[in-house]
Amino acid sequence: MSSKRSAIAVLVVACAALVCAGVALGADASTKVTIQAQQGGFFGYVHTKSSAAERCEANRKVILYKQTGSSQRPRQDIKIGSDIAQPNGPDSQWFVNTNKSGKFYAKAPAKTGCLAGFSPTVHSQ
């Protein structure tokens, strides 16, 4: 009987360890998005400071918005375009063409294991 109890105890401890590891791995990585205006559009980078960088940077969708009010509101602001960030140096780069002027920002929507990220608002003329 005691060997059966020992086996059950080992099994319970192993399952608890797997659950804890799953919770730790499930923590979403923060995402930083940069933006710069250039002639013909905007570009920037997606960056993550964690071991999730490969998952959270490369092939990440980035949406460019024209800000219509005093703060960023993606549900109300005007979507200008989007791009899929591609590896370029230590981060992944995105680019969206536009000839519009005003206030703009970029958003990398959340995806599994990665939090959404927003750039600061920049002005373009």
N, C-alpha and C. Protein backbone atom coordinates (compact mmCIF):
# COMPACT_ATOMS: atom_id res chain seq x y z
N MET A 1 0.81 -1.19 0.00
CA MET A 1 0.00 0.00 0.00
C MET A 1 0.86 1.27 0.00
N SER A 2 1.96 1.25 0.73
CA SER A 2 2.77 2.47 0.82
C SER A 2 3.43 2.81 -0.50
N SER A 3 3.79 1.79 -1.32
CA SER A 3 4.37 2.11 -2.63
C SER A 3 3.32 2.73 -3.55
N LYS A 4 2.06 2.32 -3.38
CA LYS A 4 0.98 2.92 -4.17
C LYS A 4 0.79 4.38 -3.77
N ARG A 5 0.84 4.64 -2.46
CA ARG A 5 0.71 6.02 -1.97
C ARG A 5 1.88 6.87 -2.45
N SER A 6 3.06 6.32 -2.43
CA SER A 6 4.24 7.04 -2.91
C SER A 6 4.11 7.38 -4.39
N ALA A 7 3.62 6.43 -5.17
CA ALA A 7 3.44 6.67 -6.60
C ALA A 7 2.41 7.76 -6.83
N ILE A 8 1.33 7.74 -6.06
CA ILE A 8 0.29 8.78 -6.19
C ILE A 8 0.87 10.14 -5.79
N ALA A 9 1.64 10.17 -4.72
CA ALA A 9 2.23 11.43 -4.27
C ALA A 9 3.17 12.00 -5.33
N VAL A 10 3.98 11.14 -5.94
CA VAL A 10 4.88 11.58 -7.00
C VAL A 10 4.08 12.11 -8.18
N LEU A 11 3.00 11.43 -8.52
CA LEU A 11 2.15 11.85 -9.63
C LEU A 11 1.52 13.21 -9.35
N VAL A 12 1.04 13.42 -8.12
CA VAL A 12 0.42 14.70 -7.75
C VAL A 12 1.46 15.82 -7.83
N VAL A 13 2.64 15.59 -7.32
CA VAL A 13 3.70 16.61 -7.36
C VAL A 13 4.08 16.92 -8.81
N ALA A 14 4.20 15.89 -9.64
CA ALA A 14 4.55 16.09 -11.05
C ALA A 14 3.47 16.90 -11.76
N CYS A 15 2.21 16.59 -11.51
CA CYS A 15 1.11 17.34 -12.14
C CYS A 15 1.11 18.79 -11.68
N ALA A 16 1.35 19.02 -10.39
CA ALA A 16 1.39 20.39 -9.87
C ALA A 16 2.53 21.17 -10.52
N ALA A 17 3.67 20.53 -10.70
CA ALA A 17 4.80 21.20 -11.34
C ALA A 17 4.47 21.56 -12.78
N LEU A 18 3.80 20.68 -13.50
CA LEU A 18 3.42 20.98 -14.88
C LEU A 18 2.42 22.12 -14.96
N VAL A 19 1.49 22.16 -14.02
CA VAL A 19 0.51 23.25 -14.00
C VAL A 19 1.22 24.57 -13.74
N CYS A 20 2.14 24.60 -12.78
CA CYS A 20 2.88 25.84 -12.48
C CYS A 20 3.72 26.27 -13.68
N ALA A 21 4.35 25.31 -14.34
CA ALA A 21 5.15 25.64 -15.53
C ALA A 21 4.26 26.19 -16.62
N GLY A 22 3.08 25.64 -16.79
CA GLY A 22 2.15 26.12 -17.80
C GLY A 22 1.71 27.54 -17.52
N VAL A 23 1.48 27.86 -16.25
CA VAL A 23 1.08 29.22 -15.89
C VAL A 23 2.23 30.18 -16.18
N ALA A 24 3.46 29.79 -15.84
CA ALA A 24 4.61 30.66 -16.09
C ALA A 24 4.82 30.87 -17.58
N LEU A 25 4.68 29.82 -18.39
CA LEU A 25 4.85 29.95 -19.82
C LEU A 25 3.71 30.73 -20.45
N GLY A 26 2.56 30.72 -19.82
CA GLY A 26 1.39 31.39 -20.37
C GLY A 26 1.40 32.90 -20.15
N ALA A 27 2.37 33.42 -19.41
CA ALA A 27 2.42 34.86 -19.17
C ALA A 27 2.66 35.57 -20.50
N ASP A 28 1.83 36.53 -20.80
CA ASP A 28 1.95 37.26 -22.06
C ASP A 28 3.13 38.23 -22.01
N ALA A 29 3.87 38.27 -23.10
CA ALA A 29 5.04 39.14 -23.20
C ALA A 29 4.60 40.55 -23.61
N SER A 30 5.19 41.56 -23.00
CA SER A 30 4.88 42.94 -23.38
C SER A 30 5.49 43.23 -24.75
N THR A 31 4.87 44.15 -25.46
CA THR A 31 5.28 44.49 -26.82
C THR A 31 5.48 45.99 -26.93
N LYS A 32 6.60 46.39 -27.53
CA LYS A 32 6.87 47.81 -27.77
C LYS A 32 6.83 48.03 -29.28
N VAL A 33 6.15 49.08 -29.70
CA VAL A 33 6.07 49.43 -31.12
C VAL A 33 6.62 50.84 -31.28
N THR A 34 7.51 51.03 -32.25
CA THR A 34 8.03 52.36 -32.55
C THR A 34 7.44 52.83 -33.87
N ILE A 35 7.52 54.14 -34.10
CA ILE A 35 7.00 54.72 -35.34
C ILE A 35 7.84 55.93 -35.72
N GLN A 36 8.08 56.08 -37.03
CA GLN A 36 8.77 57.25 -37.56
C GLN A 36 8.11 57.62 -38.88
N ALA A 37 7.91 58.93 -39.08
CA ALA A 37 7.38 59.41 -40.35
C ALA A 37 8.54 59.54 -41.33
N GLN A 38 8.29 59.20 -42.56
CA GLN A 38 9.27 59.43 -43.63
C GLN A 38 8.49 59.77 -44.88
N GLN A 39 9.15 60.30 -45.87
CA GLN A 39 8.47 60.66 -47.09
C GLN A 39 7.79 59.42 -47.67
N GLY A 40 6.48 59.50 -47.85
CA GLY A 40 5.74 58.39 -48.42
C GLY A 40 5.08 57.47 -47.41
N GLY A 41 5.28 57.72 -46.12
CA GLY A 41 4.62 56.86 -45.16
C GLY A 41 5.27 56.83 -43.79
N PHE A 42 5.12 55.70 -43.16
CA PHE A 42 5.62 55.50 -41.80
C PHE A 42 6.29 54.13 -41.71
N PHE A 43 7.25 54.03 -40.79
CA PHE A 43 7.86 52.74 -40.51
C PHE A 43 8.20 52.69 -39.03
N GLY A 44 8.51 51.52 -38.58
CA GLY A 44 8.89 51.34 -37.18
C GLY A 44 9.27 49.90 -36.92
N TYR A 45 9.40 49.59 -35.64
CA TYR A 45 9.83 48.26 -35.24
C TYR A 45 8.92 47.70 -34.16
N VAL A 46 8.85 46.39 -34.11
CA VAL A 46 8.17 45.67 -33.03
C VAL A 46 9.27 45.03 -32.20
N HIS A 47 9.22 45.24 -30.89
CA HIS A 47 10.26 44.74 -30.00
C HIS A 47 9.63 44.10 -28.76
N THR A 48 10.22 42.99 -28.35
CA THR A 48 9.84 42.33 -27.10
C THR A 48 11.12 42.00 -26.35
N LYS A 49 11.15 42.30 -25.05
CA LYS A 49 12.36 42.10 -24.26
C LYS A 49 12.46 40.70 -23.65
N SER A 50 11.60 39.81 -23.99
CA SER A 50 11.61 38.51 -23.35
C SER A 50 12.09 37.42 -24.29
N SER A 51 12.09 36.20 -23.79
CA SER A 51 12.45 35.06 -24.62
C SER A 51 11.40 34.81 -25.69
N ALA A 52 10.28 35.53 -25.62
CA ALA A 52 9.20 35.38 -26.59
C ALA A 52 9.43 36.24 -27.82
N ALA A 53 10.60 36.85 -27.95
CA ALA A 53 10.87 37.78 -29.05
C ALA A 53 10.59 37.16 -30.41
N GLU A 54 11.04 35.95 -30.62
CA GLU A 54 10.83 35.31 -31.92
C GLU A 54 9.34 35.18 -32.23
N ARG A 55 8.56 34.80 -31.24
CA ARG A 55 7.12 34.60 -31.41
C ARG A 55 6.37 35.94 -31.51
N CYS A 56 6.85 36.95 -30.81
CA CYS A 56 6.09 38.21 -30.70
C CYS A 56 6.53 39.31 -31.67
N GLU A 57 7.65 39.15 -32.35
CA GLU A 57 8.12 40.20 -33.24
C GLU A 57 7.94 39.84 -34.71
N ALA A 58 8.56 38.77 -35.15
CA ALA A 58 8.52 38.39 -36.57
C ALA A 58 7.11 37.99 -36.98
N ASN A 59 6.73 38.42 -38.17
CA ASN A 59 5.41 38.11 -38.74
C ASN A 59 4.26 38.64 -37.90
N ARG A 60 4.50 39.74 -37.21
CA ARG A 60 3.48 40.36 -36.36
C ARG A 60 2.75 41.42 -37.16
N LYS A 61 1.44 41.38 -37.14
CA LYS A 61 0.64 42.38 -37.84
C LYS A 61 0.75 43.71 -37.10
N VAL A 62 0.93 44.79 -37.87
CA VAL A 62 0.97 46.14 -37.32
C VAL A 62 -0.02 46.98 -38.12
N ILE A 63 -0.87 47.73 -37.42
CA ILE A 63 -1.90 48.55 -38.06
C ILE A 63 -1.57 50.02 -37.81
N LEU A 64 -1.59 50.82 -38.88
CA LEU A 64 -1.36 52.26 -38.78
C LEU A 64 -2.71 52.97 -38.71
N TYR A 65 -2.87 53.84 -37.71
CA TYR A 65 -4.10 54.60 -37.52
C TYR A 65 -3.83 56.10 -37.63
N LYS A 66 -4.80 56.82 -38.18
CA LYS A 66 -4.80 58.28 -38.12
C LYS A 66 -5.65 58.65 -36.91
N GLN A 67 -5.04 59.33 -35.96
CA GLN A 67 -5.72 59.71 -34.72
C GLN A 67 -6.67 60.87 -34.99
N THR A 68 -7.92 60.72 -34.58
CA THR A 68 -8.92 61.76 -34.85
C THR A 68 -9.21 62.66 -33.66
N GLY A 69 -8.85 62.22 -32.47
CA GLY A 69 -9.09 63.02 -31.27
C GLY A 69 -7.80 63.33 -30.55
N SER A 70 -7.93 63.63 -29.25
CA SER A 70 -6.75 63.99 -28.46
C SER A 70 -6.02 62.78 -27.90
N SER A 71 -6.61 61.58 -28.03
CA SER A 71 -5.94 60.37 -27.54
C SER A 71 -6.16 59.21 -28.52
N GLN A 72 -5.38 58.18 -28.36
CA GLN A 72 -5.48 57.01 -29.25
C GLN A 72 -6.73 56.20 -28.91
N ARG A 73 -7.55 55.97 -29.93
CA ARG A 73 -8.76 55.15 -29.78
C ARG A 73 -8.94 54.33 -31.05
N PRO A 74 -8.32 53.15 -31.12
CA PRO A 74 -8.37 52.36 -32.36
C PRO A 74 -9.78 52.07 -32.87
N ARG A 75 -10.74 51.95 -31.99
CA ARG A 75 -12.11 51.67 -32.44
C ARG A 75 -12.75 52.85 -33.14
N GLN A 76 -12.26 54.06 -32.86
CA GLN A 76 -12.84 55.26 -33.47
C GLN A 76 -11.92 55.92 -34.48
N ASP A 77 -10.62 55.68 -34.38
CA ASP A 77 -9.67 56.31 -35.29
C ASP A 77 -9.72 55.65 -36.67
N ILE A 78 -9.11 56.30 -37.65
CA ILE A 78 -9.18 55.85 -39.04
C ILE A 78 -8.02 54.89 -39.32
N LYS A 79 -8.36 53.68 -39.76
CA LYS A 79 -7.33 52.71 -40.13
C LYS A 79 -6.80 53.10 -41.50
N ILE A 80 -5.48 53.33 -41.57
CA ILE A 80 -4.82 53.74 -42.81
C ILE A 80 -4.31 52.54 -43.59
N GLY A 81 -3.75 51.58 -42.91
CA GLY A 81 -3.21 50.39 -43.56
C GLY A 81 -2.54 49.50 -42.55
N SER A 82 -2.00 48.40 -43.03
CA SER A 82 -1.31 47.47 -42.13
C SER A 82 -0.16 46.80 -42.86
N ASP A 83 0.71 46.19 -42.09
CA ASP A 83 1.85 45.47 -42.62
C ASP A 83 2.17 44.32 -41.68
N ILE A 84 2.93 43.38 -42.17
CA ILE A 84 3.43 42.28 -41.35
C ILE A 84 4.91 42.55 -41.10
N ALA A 85 5.27 42.73 -39.82
CA ALA A 85 6.65 43.05 -39.46
C ALA A 85 7.58 41.89 -39.82
N GLN A 86 8.71 42.25 -40.41
CA GLN A 86 9.71 41.27 -40.86
C GLN A 86 11.01 41.48 -40.10
N PRO A 87 11.72 40.40 -39.78
CA PRO A 87 12.99 40.54 -39.06
C PRO A 87 13.95 41.50 -39.78
N ASN A 88 14.52 42.41 -39.00
CA ASN A 88 15.48 43.37 -39.53
C ASN A 88 16.36 43.79 -38.36
N GLY A 89 17.52 43.18 -38.24
CA GLY A 89 18.38 43.44 -37.09
C GLY A 89 17.82 42.72 -35.88
N PRO A 90 17.91 43.35 -34.71
CA PRO A 90 17.46 42.67 -33.50
C PRO A 90 15.93 42.65 -33.34
N ASP A 91 15.20 43.43 -34.12
CA ASP A 91 13.75 43.52 -34.02
C ASP A 91 13.11 43.20 -35.37
N SER A 92 11.82 43.44 -35.49
CA SER A 92 11.13 43.25 -36.76
C SER A 92 10.56 44.58 -37.23
N GLN A 93 10.72 44.88 -38.50
CA GLN A 93 10.35 46.19 -39.05
C GLN A 93 9.05 46.10 -39.84
N TRP A 94 8.27 47.18 -39.76
CA TRP A 94 7.04 47.31 -40.53
C TRP A 94 7.09 48.63 -41.30
N PHE A 95 6.26 48.74 -42.34
CA PHE A 95 6.19 49.95 -43.16
C PHE A 95 4.81 50.05 -43.78
N VAL A 96 4.23 51.26 -43.75
CA VAL A 96 2.93 51.51 -44.40
C VAL A 96 3.05 52.80 -45.22
N ASN A 97 2.72 52.72 -46.49
CA ASN A 97 2.71 53.89 -47.37
C ASN A 97 1.45 54.71 -47.15
N THR A 98 1.60 56.02 -47.13
CA THR A 98 0.46 56.94 -47.11
C THR A 98 0.97 58.34 -47.41
N ASN A 99 0.14 59.13 -48.03
CA ASN A 99 0.50 60.52 -48.29
C ASN A 99 -0.33 61.46 -47.45
N LYS A 100 -0.98 60.94 -46.43
CA LYS A 100 -1.85 61.74 -45.56
C LYS A 100 -1.01 62.49 -44.52
N SER A 101 -1.57 63.59 -44.03
CA SER A 101 -0.92 64.33 -42.95
C SER A 101 -1.83 64.30 -41.73
N GLY A 102 -1.25 64.55 -40.58
CA GLY A 102 -2.00 64.54 -39.33
C GLY A 102 -1.25 63.82 -38.24
N LYS A 103 -2.01 63.28 -37.28
CA LYS A 103 -1.43 62.54 -36.15
C LYS A 103 -1.64 61.04 -36.40
N PHE A 104 -0.59 60.26 -36.21
CA PHE A 104 -0.63 58.83 -36.51
C PHE A 104 0.00 58.02 -35.39
N TYR A 105 -0.44 56.78 -35.27
CA TYR A 105 0.18 55.83 -34.36
C TYR A 105 0.01 54.42 -34.93
N ALA A 106 0.80 53.50 -34.40
CA ALA A 106 0.76 52.12 -34.86
C ALA A 106 0.38 51.22 -33.69
N LYS A 107 -0.31 50.14 -34.02
CA LYS A 107 -0.73 49.16 -33.03
C LYS A 107 -0.37 47.77 -33.52
N ALA A 108 0.25 46.99 -32.65
CA ALA A 108 0.45 45.56 -32.90
C ALA A 108 -0.58 44.86 -32.02
N PRO A 109 -1.65 44.32 -32.61
CA PRO A 109 -2.69 43.67 -31.81
C PRO A 109 -2.13 42.49 -31.00
N ALA A 110 -2.80 42.19 -29.92
CA ALA A 110 -2.41 41.04 -29.10
C ALA A 110 -2.52 39.76 -29.91
N LYS A 111 -1.67 38.82 -29.60
CA LYS A 111 -1.77 37.48 -30.17
C LYS A 111 -1.36 36.50 -29.08
N THR A 112 -1.57 35.26 -29.28
CA THR A 112 -1.30 34.26 -28.26
C THR A 112 0.11 34.44 -27.68
N GLY A 113 0.17 34.68 -26.38
CA GLY A 113 1.45 34.84 -25.69
C GLY A 113 2.06 36.22 -25.77
N CYS A 114 1.42 37.15 -26.50
CA CYS A 114 1.99 38.49 -26.71
C CYS A 114 0.92 39.55 -26.48
N LEU A 115 1.21 40.52 -25.63
CA LEU A 115 0.29 41.62 -25.39
C LEU A 115 0.28 42.57 -26.58
N ALA A 116 -0.79 43.34 -26.71
CA ALA A 116 -0.85 44.38 -27.73
C ALA A 116 0.19 45.45 -27.40
N GLY A 117 0.68 46.11 -28.43
CA GLY A 117 1.63 47.20 -28.24
C GLY A 117 1.21 48.40 -29.07
N PHE A 118 1.43 49.59 -28.54
CA PHE A 118 1.10 50.84 -29.23
C PHE A 118 2.33 51.71 -29.31
N SER A 119 2.48 52.39 -30.44
CA SER A 119 3.55 53.38 -30.58
C SER A 119 3.06 54.69 -29.98
N PRO A 120 3.98 55.62 -29.77
CA PRO A 120 3.53 56.98 -29.44
C PRO A 120 2.87 57.59 -30.68
N THR A 121 2.14 58.66 -30.49
CA THR A 121 1.54 59.40 -31.61
C THR A 121 2.60 60.32 -32.19
N VAL A 122 2.70 60.36 -33.54
CA VAL A 122 3.62 61.26 -34.21
C VAL A 122 2.83 62.11 -35.20
N HIS A 123 3.39 63.28 -35.50
CA HIS A 123 2.76 64.20 -36.46
C HIS A 123 3.46 64.11 -37.81
N SER A 124 2.67 64.12 -38.86
CA SER A 124 3.21 64.11 -40.21
C SER A 124 2.57 65.23 -40.99
N GLN A 125 3.35 65.86 -41.88
CA GLN A 125 2.79 66.96 -42.67
C GLN A 125 2.78 66.65 -44.13
